[in-house]
Protein backbone atom coordinates (compact mmCIF):
# COMPACT_ATOMS: atom_id res chain seq x y z
CA MET A 1 110.00 54.57 14.52
CA THR A 2 112.83 55.74 12.39
CA PRO A 3 116.36 54.45 12.74
CA GLN A 4 117.44 57.91 13.91
CA SER A 5 115.02 57.91 16.86
CA ASP A 6 116.18 54.40 17.88
CA GLU A 7 119.75 55.65 17.90
CA ASP A 8 118.77 58.70 19.95
CA GLU A 9 117.04 56.47 22.50
CA VAL A 10 120.13 54.25 22.78
CA TRP A 11 122.31 57.32 23.39
CA ARG A 12 119.94 58.61 26.07
CA GLN A 13 120.17 55.24 27.85
CA ILE A 14 123.97 55.28 27.66
CA VAL A 15 124.17 58.81 29.06
CA ALA A 16 121.63 58.06 31.81
CA SER A 17 123.56 55.00 32.97
CA PHE A 18 127.01 56.60 32.72
CA ASN A 19 127.62 56.90 36.48
CA ASP A 20 125.90 53.64 37.46
CA THR A 21 128.15 50.91 38.80
CA ALA A 22 128.15 47.66 36.95
CA GLU A 23 126.60 44.67 38.71
CA ARG A 24 128.84 41.74 37.95
CA ASP A 25 128.74 38.21 39.09
CA SER A 26 131.95 37.08 40.80
CA ALA A 27 132.20 34.22 38.29
CA ASP A 28 132.65 36.81 35.49
CA GLN A 29 135.66 38.45 37.14
CA PRO A 30 139.10 37.50 35.81
CA TRP A 31 140.64 38.08 39.27
CA PRO A 32 140.05 36.51 42.67
CA ASP A 33 137.62 38.12 45.14
CA SER A 34 140.46 38.92 47.53
CA GLU A 35 141.78 41.49 45.02
CA ASN A 36 138.54 43.48 44.77
CA VAL A 37 139.02 47.09 45.82
CA PRO A 38 136.42 48.64 48.15
CA ALA A 39 134.35 51.50 46.75
CA GLU A 40 135.63 53.96 49.39
CA PRO A 41 139.39 53.72 49.89
CA THR A 42 140.49 53.58 53.49
CA ARG A 43 142.36 56.64 54.70
CA ARG A 44 145.63 56.35 56.53
CA VAL A 45 147.17 58.92 58.78
CA VAL A 46 150.94 58.92 58.92
CA LYS A 47 152.38 60.34 62.12
CA PRO A 48 156.02 61.28 62.53
CA SER A 49 158.08 58.85 64.53
CA GLU A 50 158.79 59.49 68.20
CA GLU A 51 162.48 58.62 67.80
CA PRO A 52 164.97 61.46 67.39
CA GLU A 53 166.06 61.93 63.81
CA LEU A 54 169.62 60.78 63.15
CA ASP A 55 172.04 62.59 60.92
CA GLN A 56 172.16 60.73 57.59
CA ASP A 57 175.83 61.57 56.98
CA ALA A 58 177.00 60.27 60.34
CA PRO A 59 178.14 56.61 60.26
CA ASP A 60 176.11 54.15 62.30
CA ARG A 61 177.75 52.76 65.39
CA ASP A 62 176.49 49.29 64.56
CA GLU A 63 178.04 49.13 61.08
CA PRO A 64 181.77 48.61 60.66
CA ALA A 65 183.57 51.25 58.63
CA ARG A 66 183.74 50.39 54.92
CA ASP A 67 186.47 51.25 52.49
CA ASP A 68 185.46 53.26 49.45
CA ASP A 69 187.18 50.66 47.26
CA GLU A 70 184.59 48.04 48.23
CA ASP A 71 181.65 49.96 46.75
CA GLU A 72 180.55 47.57 44.00
CA GLY A 73 177.57 49.51 42.64
CA HIS A 74 179.53 52.67 41.87
CA PHE A 75 181.41 53.22 38.61
CA GLU A 76 183.55 56.25 38.02
CA PRO A 77 184.65 56.56 34.39
CA PRO A 78 188.20 57.58 33.59
CA PRO A 79 188.73 61.22 32.61
CA PRO A 80 188.17 61.88 28.90
CA PRO A 81 191.16 62.43 26.65
CA PRO A 82 192.03 66.07 25.94
CA LEU A 83 190.52 67.74 22.90
CA PRO A 84 192.79 67.87 19.86
CA LYS A 85 194.59 71.14 19.17
CA LEU A 86 193.16 73.02 16.20
CA ASP A 87 195.33 74.67 13.61
CA LEU A 88 194.82 78.31 12.53
CA PRO A 89 192.75 77.63 9.35
CA THR A 90 190.30 75.46 11.29
CA LYS A 91 189.93 78.09 14.01
CA LEU A 92 189.30 80.79 11.39
CA ALA A 93 186.71 78.60 9.66
CA TRP A 94 184.80 78.12 12.96
CA VAL A 95 184.95 81.86 13.69
CA ALA A 96 183.65 82.63 10.19
CA LEU A 97 180.90 80.01 10.45
CA PHE A 98 179.49 81.44 13.69
CA GLY A 99 180.75 85.04 13.42
CA GLY A 100 178.93 85.94 10.20
CA PRO A 101 175.43 85.02 11.41
CA ALA A 102 176.21 86.41 14.90
CA TYR A 103 177.09 89.80 13.38
CA LEU A 104 173.87 89.79 11.32
CA LEU A 105 171.81 88.87 14.40
CA VAL A 106 173.38 91.57 16.59
CA ALA A 107 173.06 94.18 13.84
CA ALA A 108 169.39 93.33 13.28
CA MET A 109 168.57 93.37 17.01
CA ALA A 110 170.36 96.69 17.53
CA SER A 111 168.74 98.22 14.41
CA TRP A 112 172.10 99.15 12.93
CA GLN A 113 172.19 100.42 9.39
CA MET A 114 173.93 97.63 7.45
CA GLU A 115 175.94 98.53 4.39
CA GLY A 116 175.89 96.22 1.40
CA TRP A 117 179.53 95.23 1.77
CA ALA A 118 179.07 94.29 5.47
CA LEU A 119 176.04 92.15 4.64
CA PHE A 120 177.92 90.46 1.80
CA THR A 121 180.98 89.86 4.03
CA ALA A 122 178.90 88.27 6.79
CA VAL A 123 177.11 85.91 4.40
CA ALA A 124 180.36 85.10 2.56
CA ALA A 125 182.09 84.37 5.89
CA PHE A 126 179.33 81.92 6.85
CA ILE A 127 179.44 80.12 3.51
CA GLY A 128 183.26 80.18 3.36
CA GLY A 129 183.58 78.81 6.92
CA PHE A 130 181.16 76.00 6.15
CA VAL A 131 182.93 75.08 2.92
CA ALA A 132 186.36 75.21 4.58
CA LEU A 133 185.26 72.87 7.37
CA VAL A 134 183.67 70.40 4.94
CA VAL A 135 186.76 70.38 2.68
CA ARG A 136 189.10 69.85 5.65
CA MET A 137 187.04 66.89 6.94
CA GLY A 138 188.60 64.44 4.56
CA ASP A 139 186.93 61.31 3.26
CA GLY A 140 189.43 58.68 4.34
CA PRO A 141 189.79 56.77 7.58
CA PRO A 142 191.79 58.34 10.39
CA ASN A 143 195.54 57.72 10.37
CA ASP A 144 195.44 55.71 13.59
CA SER A 145 192.57 53.39 12.59
CA GLY A 146 194.81 50.43 11.73
CA TRP A 147 194.52 47.96 8.87
CA ASP A 148 190.92 46.87 9.55
CA ASP A 149 188.19 49.10 8.08
CA GLY A 150 185.37 47.15 9.72
CA ALA A 151 182.56 45.69 7.65
CA VAL A 152 183.15 47.00 4.14
CA LEU A 153 180.56 45.72 1.70
C-alpha cells in the first residue's frame, strides 16, 4: 500500500463516521451527569395567561406613588453649551470647502457643460477653504485653558 491510499482510507473512515454519536464513558466527561442534555430536546407549549392584561402605563394600586426625583437609576445630562458664533471669514471658508465640490457633483450629475473658469473656481474654492480653516486653527492652547498645559514632555 502506498501512503496515499492509506490517507484515502483514513478520510473515508472519517466521512463515514461523521454523523455517528461518540460513545463516551461518564468518567471522561468534565461535567457532572446531571448536566447532560438529552438527545431530543423537550418541547414546551406556552399558553397565554387567563388573567386580563393590565395597562402597563397605569400605576398599580398596590404600589405607593413615587416621586420622579427618587429614580436612582436614571441620569439626565445637563443641556450642552451653545455652539460658538462663527465670524464671517470662517463661514466663508466652510461654504467654500463644501460648496466647490458640491457644485462639481451637481454639475456632473446634471450633465452640465462646465467651462474651464467654473471648474477652476470650484477647485480653488475647495483648496482655499481648506487652507483658510487650517490657518485659522491656531497652534496654541485656548485662551481659557489656564496656566496648566497638562503633561508636557
